[in-house]
């Protein structure tokens, strides 16, 4: 179960979690700057998903290169 979380779920969810954390931490600064509410609500979903898949692919490549036995070994 931990492997599934670390290699599939976390890399896909991590960019979104970081993005929303950043929005939460900077909300007062953006409000003080007079940024319109509409601009604050625009979320770059496409780039969050692409970044998640890139992180997941990197994790799977790392797992494939470092885990397991040599090919042909029983």
PDB file of N, CA and C in Angstrom:
ATOM      1  N   UNK A   1       0.827  -1.199   0.000  1.00  0.00           N
ATOM      2  CA  UNK A   1       0.000   0.000   0.000  1.00  0.00           C
ATOM      3  C   UNK A   1       0.870   1.262   0.000  1.00  0.00           C
ATOM      4  N   UNK A   2       1.939   1.240   0.788  1.00  0.00           N
ATOM      5  CA  UNK A   2       2.823   2.397   0.841  1.00  0.00           C
ATOM      6  C   UNK A   2       3.478   2.638  -0.513  1.00  0.00           C
ATOM      7  N   UNK A   3       3.871   1.559  -1.198  1.00  0.00           N
ATOM      8  CA  UNK A   3       4.488   1.705  -2.508  1.00  0.00           C
ATOM      9  C   UNK A   3       3.527   2.369  -3.489  1.00  0.00           C
ATOM     10  N   UNK A   4       2.265   1.981  -3.443  1.00  0.00           N
ATOM     11  CA  UNK A   4       1.270   2.584  -4.334  1.00  0.00           C
ATOM     12  C   UNK A   4       1.141   4.079  -4.046  1.00  0.00           C
ATOM     13  N   UNK A   5       1.096   4.435  -2.770  1.00  0.00           N
ATOM     14  CA  UNK A   5       1.005   5.846  -2.412  1.00  0.00           C
ATOM     15  C   UNK A   5       2.222   6.631  -2.867  1.00  0.00           C
ATOM     16  N   UNK A   6       3.411   6.091  -2.626  1.00  0.00           N
ATOM     17  CA  UNK A   6       4.637   6.814  -2.944  1.00  0.00           C
ATOM     18  C   UNK A   6       4.924   6.901  -4.440  1.00  0.00           C
ATOM     19  N   UNK A   7       4.545   5.892  -5.194  1.00  0.00           N
ATOM     20  CA  UNK A   7       4.906   5.866  -6.606  1.00  0.00           C
ATOM     21  C   UNK A   7       3.797   6.301  -7.548  1.00  0.00           C
ATOM     22  N   UNK A   8       2.561   6.344  -7.099  1.00  0.00           N
ATOM     23  CA  UNK A   8       1.457   6.711  -7.985  1.00  0.00           C
ATOM     24  C   UNK A   8       0.679   7.928  -7.487  1.00  0.00           C
ATOM     25  N   UNK A   9       0.200   7.870  -6.265  1.00  0.00           N
ATOM     26  CA  UNK A   9      -0.700   8.910  -5.770  1.00  0.00           C
ATOM     27  C   UNK A   9       0.055  10.194  -5.412  1.00  0.00           C
ATOM     28  N   UNK A  10       1.117  10.089  -4.637  1.00  0.00           N
ATOM     29  CA  UNK A  10       1.839  11.278  -4.191  1.00  0.00           C
ATOM     30  C   UNK A  10       2.410  12.104  -5.339  1.00  0.00           C
ATOM     31  N   UNK A  11       3.080  11.511  -6.335  1.00  0.00           N
ATOM     32  CA  UNK A  11       3.601  12.351  -7.414  1.00  0.00           C
ATOM     33  C   UNK A  11       2.518  13.072  -8.214  1.00  0.00           C
ATOM     34  N   UNK A  12       1.348  12.481  -8.334  1.00  0.00           N
ATOM     35  CA  UNK A  12       0.277  13.158  -9.066  1.00  0.00           C
ATOM     36  C   UNK A  12      -0.351  14.258  -8.211  1.00  0.00           C
ATOM     37  N   UNK A  13      -0.498  14.020  -6.919  1.00  0.00           N
ATOM     38  CA  UNK A  13      -1.146  14.988  -6.040  1.00  0.00           C
ATOM     39  C   UNK A  13      -0.200  16.087  -5.550  1.00  0.00           C
ATOM     40  N   UNK A  14       1.102  15.838  -5.517  1.00  0.00           N
ATOM     41  CA  UNK A  14       2.051  16.788  -4.944  1.00  0.00           C
ATOM     42  C   UNK A  14       2.031  18.171  -5.597  1.00  0.00           C
ATOM     43  N   UNK A  15       2.034  18.293  -6.926  1.00  0.00           N
ATOM     44  CA  UNK A  15       1.994  19.651  -7.500  1.00  0.00           C
ATOM     45  C   UNK A  15       0.741  20.427  -7.110  1.00  0.00           C
ATOM     46  N   UNK A  16      -0.388  19.754  -7.035  1.00  0.00           N
ATOM     47  CA  UNK A  16      -1.631  20.422  -6.651  1.00  0.00           C
ATOM     48  C   UNK A  16      -1.586  20.850  -5.195  1.00  0.00           C
ATOM     49  N   UNK A  17      -1.068  20.000  -4.329  1.00  0.00           N
ATOM     50  CA  UNK A  17      -0.949  20.333  -2.911  1.00  0.00           C
ATOM     51  C   UNK A  17      -0.022  21.526  -2.720  1.00  0.00           C
ATOM     52  N   UNK A  18       1.108  21.528  -3.409  1.00  0.00           N
ATOM     53  CA  UNK A  18       2.055  22.649  -3.307  1.00  0.00           C
ATOM     54  C   UNK A  18       1.426  23.935  -3.839  1.00  0.00           C
ATOM     55  N   UNK A  19       0.717  23.848  -4.951  1.00  0.00           N
ATOM     56  CA  UNK A  19       0.089  25.040  -5.537  1.00  0.00           C
ATOM     57  C   UNK A  19      -0.958  25.635  -4.592  1.00  0.00           C
ATOM     58  N   UNK A  20      -1.843  24.800  -4.075  1.00  0.00           N
ATOM     59  CA  UNK A  20      -2.866  25.322  -3.173  1.00  0.00           C
ATOM     60  C   UNK A  20      -2.264  25.805  -1.855  1.00  0.00           C
ATOM     61  N   UNK A  21      -1.182  25.189  -1.398  1.00  0.00           N
ATOM     62  CA  UNK A  21      -0.473  25.686  -0.218  1.00  0.00           C
ATOM     63  C   UNK A  21       0.102  27.070  -0.472  1.00  0.00           C
ATOM     64  N   UNK A  22       0.701  27.260  -1.653  1.00  0.00           N
ATOM     65  CA  UNK A  22       1.242  28.563  -2.017  1.00  0.00           C
ATOM     66  C   UNK A  22       0.128  29.603  -2.091  1.00  0.00           C
ATOM     67  N   UNK A  23      -1.010  29.242  -2.694  1.00  0.00           N
ATOM     68  CA  UNK A  23      -2.140  30.180  -2.747  1.00  0.00           C
ATOM     69  C   UNK A  23      -2.606  30.557  -1.349  1.00  0.00           C
ATOM     70  N   UNK A  24      -2.669  29.582  -0.469  1.00  0.00           N
ATOM     71  CA  UNK A  24      -3.126  29.835   0.897  1.00  0.00           C
ATOM     72  C   UNK A  24      -2.156  30.761   1.632  1.00  0.00           C
ATOM     73  N   UNK A  25      -0.853  30.545   1.442  1.00  0.00           N
ATOM     74  CA  UNK A  25       0.142  31.366   2.129  1.00  0.00           C
ATOM     75  C   UNK A  25       0.207  32.793   1.596  1.00  0.00           C
ATOM     76  N   UNK A  26      -0.135  33.013   0.348  1.00  0.00           N
ATOM     77  CA  UNK A  26      -0.015  34.346  -0.249  1.00  0.00           C
ATOM     78  C   UNK A  26      -1.359  35.052  -0.424  1.00  0.00           C
ATOM     79  N   UNK A  27      -2.419  34.526   0.149  1.00  0.00           N
ATOM     80  CA  UNK A  27      -3.742  35.112  -0.075  1.00  0.00           C
ATOM     81  C   UNK A  27      -3.837  36.549   0.449  1.00  0.00           C
ATOM     82  N   UNK A  28      -3.260  36.848   1.602  1.00  0.00           N
ATOM     83  CA  UNK A  28      -3.342  38.208   2.149  1.00  0.00           C
ATOM     84  C   UNK A  28      -2.543  39.197   1.308  1.00  0.00           C
ATOM     85  N   UNK A  29      -1.392  38.775   0.812  1.00  0.00           N
ATOM     86  CA  UNK A  29      -0.562  39.647  -0.004  1.00  0.00           C
ATOM     87  C   UNK A  29      -1.267  39.987  -1.319  1.00  0.00           C
ATOM     88  N   UNK A  30      -1.934  38.993  -1.922  1.00  0.00           N
ATOM     89  CA  UNK A  30      -2.656  39.238  -3.178  1.00  0.00           C
ATOM     90  C   UNK A  30      -3.865  40.127  -2.955  1.00  0.00           C
ATOM     91  N   UNK A  31      -4.549  39.940  -1.840  1.00  0.00           N
ATOM     92  CA  UNK A  31      -5.720  40.769  -1.544  1.00  0.00           C
ATOM     93  C   UNK A  31      -5.291  42.215  -1.296  1.00  0.00           C
ATOM     94  N   UNK A  32      -4.171  42.414  -0.602  1.00  0.00           N
ATOM     95  CA  UNK A  32      -3.680  43.757  -0.328  1.00  0.00           C
ATOM     96  C   UNK A  32      -3.226  44.451  -1.609  1.00  0.00           C
ATOM     97  N   UNK A  33      -2.762  43.672  -2.585  1.00  0.00           N
ATOM     98  CA  UNK A  33      -2.310  44.246  -3.853  1.00  0.00           C
ATOM     99  C   UNK A  33      -3.489  44.611  -4.753  1.00  0.00           C
ATOM    100  N   UNK A  34      -4.690  44.219  -4.372  1.00  0.00           N
ATOM    101  CA  UNK A  34      -5.870  44.558  -5.156  1.00  0.00           C
ATOM    102  C   UNK A  34      -6.089  43.651  -6.351  1.00  0.00           C
ATOM    103  N   UNK A  35      -5.529  42.468  -6.304  1.00  0.00           N
ATOM    104  CA  UNK A  35      -5.731  41.521  -7.401  1.00  0.00           C
ATOM    105  C   UNK A  35      -7.194  41.084  -7.410  1.00  0.00           C
ATOM    106  N   UNK A  36      -7.834  41.098  -8.587  1.00  0.00           N
ATOM    107  CA  UNK A  36      -9.253  40.716  -8.630  1.00  0.00           C
ATOM    108  C   UNK A  36      -9.473  39.253  -8.230  1.00  0.00           C
ATOM    109  N   UNK A  37     -10.648  38.990  -7.659  1.00  0.00           N
ATOM    110  CA  UNK A  37     -10.982  37.629  -7.208  1.00  0.00           C
ATOM    111  C   UNK A  37     -10.928  36.621  -8.348  1.00  0.00           C
ATOM    112  N   UNK A  38     -11.329  37.045  -9.537  1.00  0.00           N
ATOM    113  CA  UNK A  38     -11.347  36.133 -10.678  1.00  0.00           C
ATOM    114  C   UNK A  38      -9.925  35.640 -10.996  1.00  0.00           C
ATOM    115  N   UNK A  39      -8.957  36.518 -10.931  1.00  0.00           N
ATOM    116  CA  UNK A  39      -7.573  36.138 -11.211  1.00  0.00           C
ATOM    117  C   UNK A  39      -7.045  35.205 -10.123  1.00  0.00           C
ATOM    118  N   UNK A  40      -7.539  35.351  -8.912  1.00  0.00           N
ATOM    119  CA  UNK A  40      -7.098  34.494  -7.821  1.00  0.00           C
ATOM    120  C   UNK A  40      -7.653  33.085  -7.960  1.00  0.00           C
ATOM    121  N   UNK A  41      -8.810  32.942  -8.592  1.00  0.00           N
ATOM    122  CA  UNK A  41      -9.436  31.629  -8.699  1.00  0.00           C
ATOM    123  C   UNK A  41      -8.990  30.822  -9.910  1.00  0.00           C
ATOM    124  N   UNK A  42      -8.299  31.430 -10.865  1.00  0.00           N
ATOM    125  CA  UNK A  42      -7.815  30.691 -12.026  1.00  0.00           C
ATOM    126  C   UNK A  42      -6.741  29.719 -11.578  1.00  0.00           C
ATOM    127  N   UNK A  43      -6.938  28.462 -11.869  1.00  0.00           N
ATOM    128  CA  UNK A  43      -5.993  27.430 -11.481  1.00  0.00           C
ATOM    129  C   UNK A  43      -5.428  26.774 -12.732  1.00  0.00           C
ATOM    130  N   UNK A  44      -4.115  26.642 -12.824  1.00  0.00           N
ATOM    131  CA  UNK A  44      -3.506  26.030 -14.006  1.00  0.00           C
ATOM    132  C   UNK A  44      -3.588  24.505 -13.951  1.00  0.00           C
ATOM    133  N   UNK A  45      -4.792  23.965 -14.088  1.00  0.00           N
ATOM    134  CA  UNK A  45      -4.996  22.518 -13.947  1.00  0.00           C
ATOM    135  C   UNK A  45      -4.140  21.715 -14.910  1.00  0.00           C
ATOM    136  N   UNK A  46      -4.027  22.171 -16.151  1.00  0.00           N
ATOM    137  CA  UNK A  46      -3.256  21.425 -17.143  1.00  0.00           C
ATOM    138  C   UNK A  46      -1.813  21.242 -16.676  1.00  0.00           C
ATOM    139  N   UNK A  47      -1.179  22.318 -16.230  1.00  0.00           N
ATOM    140  CA  UNK A  47       0.218  22.228 -15.825  1.00  0.00           C
ATOM    141  C   UNK A  47       0.386  21.450 -14.529  1.00  0.00           C
ATOM    142  N   UNK A  48      -0.590  21.506 -13.641  1.00  0.00           N
ATOM    143  CA  UNK A  48      -0.524  20.701 -12.425  1.00  0.00           C
ATOM    144  C   UNK A  48      -0.579  19.209 -12.757  1.00  0.00           C
ATOM    145  N   UNK A  49      -1.440  18.832 -13.698  1.00  0.00           N
ATOM    146  CA  UNK A  49      -1.560  17.432 -14.095  1.00  0.00           C
ATOM    147  C   UNK A  49      -0.312  16.970 -14.832  1.00  0.00           C
ATOM    148  N   UNK A  50       0.200  17.784 -15.746  1.00  0.00           N
ATOM    149  CA  UNK A  50       1.415  17.418 -16.484  1.00  0.00           C
ATOM    150  C   UNK A  50       2.587  17.243 -15.521  1.00  0.00           C
ATOM    151  N   UNK A  51       2.744  18.165 -14.583  1.00  0.00           N
ATOM    152  CA  UNK A  51       3.829  18.061 -13.607  1.00  0.00           C
ATOM    153  C   UNK A  51       3.678  16.803 -12.769  1.00  0.00           C
ATOM    154  N   UNK A  52       2.459  16.470 -12.377  1.00  0.00           N
ATOM    155  CA  UNK A  52       2.222  15.249 -11.614  1.00  0.00           C
ATOM    156  C   UNK A  52       2.609  14.005 -12.383  1.00  0.00           C
ATOM    157  N   UNK A  53       2.254  13.953 -13.662  1.00  0.00           N
ATOM    158  CA  UNK A  53       2.609  12.784 -14.462  1.00  0.00           C
ATOM    159  C   UNK A  53       4.119  12.691 -14.699  1.00  0.00           C
ATOM    160  N   UNK A  54       4.778  13.819 -14.857  1.00  0.00           N
ATOM    161  CA  UNK A  54       6.240  13.802 -15.009  1.00  0.00           C
ATOM    162  C   UNK A  54       6.895  13.289 -13.734  1.00  0.00           C
ATOM    163  N   UNK A  55       6.423  13.739 -12.577  1.00  0.00           N
ATOM    164  CA  UNK A  55       6.967  13.241 -11.310  1.00  0.00           C
ATOM    165  C   UNK A  55       6.704  11.745 -11.150  1.00  0.00           C
ATOM    166  N   UNK A  56       5.505  11.300 -11.529  1.00  0.00           N
ATOM    167  CA  UNK A  56       5.185   9.883 -11.432  1.00  0.00           C
ATOM    168  C   UNK A  56       6.072   9.063 -12.358  1.00  0.00           C
ATOM    169  N   UNK A  57       6.274   9.515 -13.575  1.00  0.00           N
ATOM    170  CA  UNK A  57       7.141   8.790 -14.518  1.00  0.00           C
ATOM    171  C   UNK A  57       8.564   8.733 -13.988  1.00  0.00           C
ATOM    172  N   UNK A  58       9.042   9.821 -13.420  1.00  0.00           N
ATOM    173  CA  UNK A  58      10.379   9.823 -12.830  1.00  0.00           C
ATOM    174  C   UNK A  58      10.498   8.828 -11.689  1.00  0.00           C
ATOM    175  N   UNK A  59       9.485   8.752 -10.861  1.00  0.00           N
ATOM    176  CA  UNK A  59       9.488   7.784  -9.765  1.00  0.00           C
ATOM    177  C   UNK A  59       9.472   6.351 -10.265  1.00  0.00           C
ATOM    178  N   UNK A  60       8.698   6.097 -11.300  1.00  0.00           N
ATOM    179  CA  UNK A  60       8.641   4.750 -11.853  1.00  0.00           C
ATOM    180  C   UNK A  60       9.954   4.361 -12.538  1.00  0.00           C
ATOM    181  N   UNK A  61      10.574   5.307 -13.218  1.00  0.00           N
ATOM    182  CA  UNK A  61      11.877   5.031 -13.837  1.00  0.00           C
ATOM    183  C   UNK A  61      12.916   4.750 -12.756  1.00  0.00           C
ATOM    184  N   UNK A  62      12.913   5.551 -11.706  1.00  0.00           N
ATOM    185  CA  UNK A  62      13.839   5.314 -10.592  1.00  0.00           C
ATOM    186  C   UNK A  62      13.611   3.936  -9.981  1.00  0.00           C
ATOM    187  N   UNK A  63      12.362   3.587  -9.756  1.00  0.00           N
ATOM    188  CA  UNK A  63      12.037   2.277  -9.192  1.00  0.00           C
ATOM    189  C   UNK A  63      12.495   1.162 -10.115  1.00  0.00           C
ATOM    190  N   UNK A  64      12.291   1.315 -11.399  1.00  0.00           N
ATOM    191  CA  UNK A  64      12.692   0.298 -12.361  1.00  0.00           C
ATOM    192  C   UNK A  64      14.191   0.112 -12.438  1.00  0.00           C
ATOM    193  N   UNK A  65      14.942   1.188 -12.250  1.00  0.00           N
ATOM    194  CA  UNK A  65      16.399   1.097 -12.346  1.00  0.00           C
ATOM    195  C   UNK A  65      17.074   0.641 -11.056  1.00  0.00           C
ATOM    196  N   UNK A  66      16.437   0.849  -9.923  1.00  0.00           N
ATOM    197  CA  UNK A  66      17.105   0.562  -8.653  1.00  0.00           C
ATOM    198  C   UNK A  66      16.529  -0.639  -7.904  1.00  0.00           C
ATOM    199  N   UNK A  67      15.366  -1.108  -8.273  1.00  0.00           N
ATOM    200  CA  UNK A  67      14.708  -2.167  -7.517  1.00  0.00           C
ATOM    201  C   UNK A  67      14.690  -3.457  -8.328  1.00  0.00           C
ATOM    202  N   UNK A  68      14.668  -4.577  -7.627  1.00  0.00           N
ATOM    203  CA  UNK A  68      14.518  -5.860  -8.316  1.00  0.00           C
ATOM    204  C   UNK A  68      15.834  -6.586  -8.521  1.00  0.00           C
ATOM    205  N   UNK A  69      15.750  -7.626  -9.308  1.00  0.00           N
ATOM    206  CA  UNK A  69      16.921  -8.428  -9.570  1.00  0.00           C
ATOM    207  C   UNK A  69      17.334  -8.283 -11.035  1.00  0.00           C
ATOM    208  N   UNK A  70      18.437  -8.903 -11.385  1.00  0.00           N
ATOM    209  CA  UNK A  70      18.914  -8.837 -12.760  1.00  0.00           C
ATOM    210  C   UNK A  70      17.992  -9.648 -13.675  1.00  0.00           C
ATOM    211  N   UNK A  71      17.871  -9.231 -14.917  1.00  0.00           N
ATOM    212  CA  UNK A  71      17.033  -9.977 -15.845  1.00  0.00           C
ATOM    213  C   UNK A  71      17.560 -11.410 -16.022  1.00  0.00           C
ATOM    214  N   UNK A  72      16.664 -12.348 -16.045  1.00  0.00           N
ATOM    215  CA  UNK A  72      17.023 -13.755 -16.217  1.00  0.00           C
ATOM    216  C   UNK A  72      17.313 -14.488 -14.934  1.00  0.00           C
ATOM    217  N   UNK A  73      17.456 -13.764 -13.831  1.00  0.00           N
ATOM    218  CA  UNK A  73      17.706 -14.421 -12.545  1.00  0.00           C
ATOM    219  C   UNK A  73      16.376 -14.895 -11.978  1.00  0.00           C
ATOM    220  N   UNK A  74      16.345 -16.100 -11.514  1.00  0.00           N
ATOM    221  CA  UNK A  74      15.089 -16.659 -11.000  1.00  0.00           C
ATOM    222  C   UNK A  74      14.920 -16.419  -9.570  1.00  0.00           C
TER     223      UNK A  74
END
